[in-house]
Amino acid sequence: MKIRKVVFPVGGLGTRFHPITRAIPKEMLGIIDKPLIHYAFEEAIAGGIEQFIFVTRQGKNSIEDYFDNILADYENKEGKTKYCFCYVRQNEPKGLGHAVLCAKDIINNEPFAVMCADDFIYHKKSCIGEMIKQYNGTNMVAVMTVPHKDVSKYGILDIKNEDGNIVNAKSVDEKPSVESAKSNLAIVGRYVLSADIFKILENLEPGVKGEIQLTDALLKMIPSVGLAGFKFEGIRFDCGSKSGLLAAILHVAAEDKELSPIIEHFYKTKL
């Protein structure tokens, strides 16, 4: 079945960027001339996605306004667009699993994608598009190796076997300790999921940090659906942190012909 829908969980509080995120959603923070959510949107379009479901909350209206304003850029000569935008309210941030569950009625029992805009993946190929190409009914997550000291920040796979850029998991653990982690292969914010996950999420007890963890639902589905990790190409920046956002801005600027001389001059004169 063609994967047409993506869920963007954009209801988080963005506390690491206070005070600016008291006025501007984290997903609207810019990398040069486009906000984070726009980069994720373009990646989704390149992957063949047609319906965009934003799980949002109070104070995030600028996201809706932004996409209203750019919709004309994606219209054909008849003034029509094949893209559809939906907005669902998440009354309070209860975890990624809860945010995904909020989109259940719109997904309508189809396989679907989930993209976290603050995981910025920089590459010519669409990460989510490459995942969709390889999706075969098994739940799939984007994965990358991280330093062992950082495993407690991620969902970590326990690897069963590998086949090229696909890793099959026998288990997954959300934010394990350094001592208990089974590997250093970490999930980042790209998922292609079976709609059966909603049956699990509806009855899932809160996990780490008292939140409904998507990772916990993936774990429960391994015996029936399986779990595959996709080793993506490109560079991932954690733009949920100040250092990650700054690194992403500098990297994109360094690739730009007009901006790269400014970066070079800064390095020569300030560093």
Protein backbone atom coordinates (compact mmCIF):
# COMPACT_ATOMS: atom_id res chain seq x y z
CA MET A 1 0.00 0.00 0.00
CA LYS A 2 1.25 3.47 -0.90
CA ILE A 3 2.24 5.57 2.09
CA ARG A 4 0.51 8.92 1.67
CA LYS A 5 0.37 10.37 5.18
CA VAL A 6 2.88 11.78 7.62
CA VAL A 7 2.42 12.84 11.23
CA PHE A 8 4.41 15.85 12.44
CA PRO A 9 4.43 15.93 16.27
CA VAL A 10 4.77 19.66 16.91
CA GLY A 11 3.07 19.99 20.29
CA GLY A 12 6.21 20.07 22.46
CA LEU A 13 7.00 22.98 24.75
CA GLY A 14 10.52 23.69 23.45
CA THR A 15 11.75 24.56 26.95
CA ARG A 16 15.42 24.29 25.98
CA PHE A 17 14.93 27.38 23.79
CA HIS A 18 13.14 29.57 26.31
CA PRO A 19 12.43 32.45 26.22
CA ILE A 20 12.08 32.59 22.42
CA THR A 21 9.81 29.51 22.29
CA ARG A 22 7.31 31.27 24.51
CA ALA A 23 6.44 33.23 21.37
CA ILE A 24 7.73 31.08 18.49
CA PRO A 25 7.25 27.31 18.18
CA LYS A 26 10.53 25.38 18.22
CA GLU A 27 9.66 23.97 14.79
CA MET A 28 9.57 27.52 13.40
CA LEU A 29 13.16 28.29 14.38
CA GLY A 30 15.09 29.03 11.23
CA ILE A 31 17.98 27.49 9.39
CA ILE A 32 19.02 30.45 7.23
CA ASP A 33 15.80 31.31 5.36
CA LYS A 34 13.47 28.41 6.17
CA PRO A 35 12.11 27.06 9.45
CA LEU A 36 12.85 23.53 10.60
CA ILE A 37 9.34 22.35 9.80
CA HIS A 38 9.72 23.47 6.18
CA TYR A 39 12.80 21.30 5.69
CA ALA A 40 10.88 18.31 7.08
CA PHE A 41 7.94 19.17 4.82
CA GLU A 42 10.19 19.21 1.74
CA GLU A 43 11.75 15.90 2.74
CA ALA A 44 8.27 14.40 3.04
CA ILE A 45 7.18 15.72 -0.36
CA ALA A 46 10.32 14.24 -1.93
CA GLY A 47 9.29 10.93 -0.34
CA GLY A 48 5.88 10.96 -2.02
CA ILE A 49 3.80 12.12 0.95
CA GLU A 50 0.53 13.87 0.10
CA GLN A 51 -1.24 14.41 3.45
CA PHE A 52 0.38 16.25 6.33
CA ILE A 53 -1.00 15.85 9.84
CA PHE A 54 0.28 18.31 12.42
CA VAL A 55 -0.28 17.33 16.05
CA THR A 56 -0.22 20.75 17.62
CA ARG A 57 -1.32 22.67 20.70
CA GLN A 58 -2.09 26.16 21.97
CA GLY A 59 0.47 28.74 20.83
CA LYS A 60 1.41 26.94 17.61
CA ASN A 61 -0.84 28.87 15.23
CA SER A 62 2.14 30.28 13.37
CA ILE A 63 2.74 26.82 11.89
CA GLU A 64 -0.75 26.81 10.38
CA ASP A 65 -0.33 30.38 9.15
CA TYR A 66 3.02 29.55 7.59
CA PHE A 67 1.71 26.67 5.52
CA ASP A 68 -1.35 28.65 4.48
CA ASN A 69 1.02 31.27 3.06
CA ILE A 70 3.30 28.91 1.14
CA LEU A 71 0.59 26.65 -0.25
CA ALA A 72 0.50 28.66 -3.49
CA ASP A 73 4.09 27.62 -4.16
CA TYR A 74 2.88 24.05 -4.61
CA GLU A 75 -0.15 24.68 -6.81
CA ASN A 76 -0.32 23.51 -10.42
CA LYS A 77 -1.39 25.67 -13.36
CA GLU A 78 -5.05 25.12 -12.49
CA GLY A 79 -4.44 26.53 -9.02
CA LYS A 80 -4.87 23.17 -7.33
CA THR A 81 -2.54 21.22 -5.08
CA LYS A 82 -2.55 17.51 -4.34
CA TYR A 83 -1.35 18.20 -0.81
CA CYS A 84 -3.69 18.19 2.17
CA PHE A 85 -3.02 19.73 5.60
CA CYS A 86 -4.72 18.61 8.81
CA TYR A 87 -4.26 19.92 12.35
CA VAL A 88 -5.02 17.93 15.48
CA ARG A 89 -4.82 19.28 19.03
CA GLN A 90 -2.71 17.61 21.71
CA ASN A 91 -3.99 19.24 24.89
CA GLU A 92 -0.81 18.53 26.83
CA PRO A 93 2.56 17.02 25.89
CA LYS A 94 2.37 13.40 27.07
CA GLY A 95 5.15 11.95 24.92
CA LEU A 96 5.74 11.05 21.30
CA GLY A 97 3.50 7.98 21.52
CA HIS A 98 0.60 10.10 22.71
CA ALA A 99 1.18 12.65 19.94
CA VAL A 100 1.04 9.89 17.32
CA LEU A 101 -2.11 8.47 18.91
CA CYS A 102 -3.82 11.85 18.48
CA ALA A 103 -3.66 11.33 14.69
CA LYS A 104 -5.38 7.93 14.75
CA ASP A 105 -8.70 8.96 13.19
CA ILE A 106 -7.04 10.75 10.28
CA ILE A 107 -4.62 7.92 9.51
CA ASN A 108 -7.66 5.65 8.94
CA ASN A 109 -5.86 2.30 9.21
CA GLU A 110 -3.15 3.03 6.63
CA PRO A 111 0.61 2.62 7.09
CA PHE A 112 2.05 6.07 7.72
CA ALA A 113 5.20 8.05 8.42
CA VAL A 114 6.20 10.07 11.48
CA MET A 115 8.77 12.87 11.26
CA CYS A 116 10.22 14.93 14.10
CA ALA A 117 11.22 18.26 12.60
CA ASP A 118 13.91 18.98 15.19
CA ASP A 119 15.83 15.95 13.91
CA PHE A 120 17.24 17.73 10.86
CA ILE A 121 18.77 15.29 8.35
CA TYR A 122 20.85 17.00 5.69
CA HIS A 123 21.26 15.07 2.44
CA LYS A 124 20.23 15.24 -1.21
CA LYS A 125 18.11 12.10 -0.79
CA SER A 126 14.93 12.16 1.26
CA CYS A 127 15.52 10.02 4.34
CA ILE A 128 11.82 9.30 4.81
CA GLY A 129 11.51 8.64 1.07
CA GLU A 130 14.28 6.03 1.17
CA MET A 131 12.60 4.40 4.16
CA ILE A 132 9.25 4.28 2.37
CA LYS A 133 10.89 2.55 -0.60
CA GLN A 134 12.12 -0.24 1.68
CA TYR A 135 9.03 -0.53 3.87
CA ASN A 136 7.51 -4.02 3.68
CA GLY A 137 5.05 -4.02 6.57
CA THR A 138 7.68 -4.20 9.30
CA ASN A 139 7.80 -1.13 11.53
CA MET A 140 10.84 0.88 10.47
CA VAL A 141 12.91 3.53 12.27
CA ALA A 142 15.85 5.64 11.16
CA VAL A 143 18.99 4.76 13.12
CA MET A 144 22.52 6.03 13.59
CA THR A 145 25.46 5.13 15.83
CA VAL A 146 26.02 7.45 18.77
CA PRO A 147 28.80 7.61 21.39
CA HIS A 148 28.20 5.08 24.17
CA LYS A 149 28.10 7.89 26.70
CA ASP A 150 25.01 9.31 24.94
CA VAL A 151 22.84 6.17 24.72
CA SER A 152 20.63 7.33 27.59
CA LYS A 153 19.27 10.10 25.33
CA TYR A 154 17.80 7.72 22.74
CA GLY A 155 15.83 4.60 22.01
CA ILE A 156 18.50 1.93 21.49
CA LEU A 157 18.18 -1.22 19.36
CA ASP A 158 19.23 -4.69 20.39
CA ILE A 159 20.45 -6.01 17.04
CA LYS A 160 19.40 -9.41 15.72
CA ASN A 161 21.05 -9.22 12.28
CA GLU A 162 22.03 -6.78 9.54
CA ASP A 163 21.44 -6.76 5.79
CA GLY A 164 23.08 -3.81 4.04
CA ASN A 165 21.55 -0.62 5.38
CA ILE A 166 18.77 -2.52 7.21
CA VAL A 167 19.17 -3.72 10.80
CA ASN A 168 16.63 -6.13 12.26
CA ALA A 169 16.02 -5.68 15.97
CA LYS A 170 15.13 -8.29 18.57
CA SER A 171 14.41 -5.61 21.15
CA VAL A 172 14.49 -1.86 21.76
CA ASP A 173 14.97 0.09 24.98
CA GLU A 174 14.03 3.73 25.58
CA LYS A 175 16.83 5.76 27.17
CA PRO A 176 18.78 2.90 28.76
CA SER A 177 21.71 3.46 31.07
CA VAL A 178 25.21 3.22 29.62
CA GLU A 179 25.67 -0.04 31.51
CA SER A 180 22.46 -1.70 30.28
CA ALA A 181 22.41 -0.55 26.64
CA LYS A 182 22.57 -3.46 24.17
CA SER A 183 24.26 -1.37 21.46
CA ASN A 184 24.89 2.23 20.50
CA LEU A 185 22.54 2.14 17.52
CA ALA A 186 20.04 4.89 18.24
CA ILE A 187 16.63 5.82 16.84
CA VAL A 188 16.26 9.31 15.41
CA GLY A 189 13.05 11.07 14.39
CA ARG A 190 11.92 9.19 11.28
CA TYR A 191 9.43 6.31 11.39
CA VAL A 192 7.33 4.29 8.95
CA LEU A 193 4.67 2.43 10.90
CA SER A 194 1.81 -0.01 10.65
CA ALA A 195 -1.54 1.42 11.75
CA ASP A 196 -1.74 -1.51 14.17
CA ILE A 197 0.43 0.57 16.48
CA PHE A 198 -2.67 2.51 17.54
CA LYS A 199 -4.09 -0.60 19.21
CA ILE A 200 -0.96 -0.72 21.37
CA LEU A 201 -0.76 3.01 22.07
CA GLU A 202 -4.37 3.14 23.27
CA ASN A 203 -3.58 0.76 26.14
CA LEU A 204 0.05 1.62 26.81
CA GLU A 205 1.12 2.58 30.31
CA PRO A 206 3.37 5.64 30.73
CA GLY A 207 7.07 4.85 30.51
CA VAL A 208 10.23 6.95 30.85
CA LYS A 209 9.49 10.44 32.24
CA GLY A 210 5.86 9.41 32.80
CA GLU A 211 5.17 9.76 29.06
CA ILE A 212 3.58 7.47 26.47
CA GLN A 213 6.70 6.33 24.64
CA LEU A 214 6.47 5.34 20.98
CA THR A 215 9.49 3.10 21.56
CA ASP A 216 7.56 1.04 24.11
CA ALA A 217 4.81 0.42 21.54
CA LEU A 218 7.40 -0.64 18.95
CA LEU A 219 8.84 -3.10 21.46
CA LYS A 220 5.44 -4.73 22.07
CA MET A 221 4.92 -5.13 18.31
CA ILE A 222 8.21 -6.90 17.55
CA PRO A 223 6.77 -10.45 17.91
CA SER A 224 3.92 -9.73 15.46
CA VAL A 225 5.20 -7.03 13.10
CA GLY A 226 8.95 -6.81 13.64
CA LEU A 227 11.21 -3.78 13.85
CA ALA A 228 13.79 -2.69 11.27
CA GLY A 229 16.36 0.07 11.60
CA PHE A 230 17.29 2.03 8.48
CA LYS A 231 20.86 3.34 8.36
CA PHE A 232 20.31 6.60 6.51
CA GLU A 233 22.72 8.68 4.46
CA GLY A 234 23.51 12.24 5.40
CA ILE A 235 24.19 14.21 8.56
CA ARG A 236 21.70 14.44 11.40
CA PHE A 237 21.55 17.52 13.62
CA ASP A 238 19.69 17.55 16.92
CA CYS A 239 18.00 20.90 16.48
CA GLY A 240 16.13 20.43 19.73
CA SER A 241 19.33 21.72 21.32
CA LYS A 242 21.04 25.09 20.89
CA SER A 243 24.32 23.49 19.87
CA GLY A 244 22.62 21.26 17.29
CA LEU A 245 20.68 24.14 15.76
CA LEU A 246 23.80 26.28 15.53
CA ALA A 247 25.74 23.40 13.93
CA ALA A 248 22.97 22.92 11.35
CA ILE A 249 22.94 26.63 10.50
CA LEU A 250 26.71 26.72 10.07
CA HIS A 251 26.70 23.55 7.95
CA VAL A 252 23.97 24.81 5.60
CA ALA A 253 25.65 28.21 5.36
CA ALA A 254 28.98 26.61 4.52
CA GLU A 255 27.30 24.84 1.58
CA ASP A 256 25.87 28.10 0.23
CA LYS A 257 27.99 30.03 -2.31
CA GLU A 258 26.91 33.42 -0.97
CA LEU A 259 27.24 32.56 2.71
CA SER A 260 30.30 30.33 2.78
CA PRO A 261 32.77 33.27 2.47
CA ILE A 262 31.25 34.73 5.66
CA ILE A 263 31.85 31.45 7.49
CA GLU A 264 35.43 31.28 6.20
CA HIS A 265 36.09 34.88 7.24
CA PHE A 266 34.70 34.23 10.72
CA TYR A 267 36.95 31.21 11.22
CA LYS A 268 40.02 33.13 10.08
CA THR A 269 39.42 36.23 12.16
CA LYS A 270 37.70 34.88 15.29
CA LEU A 271 39.14 31.42 15.71
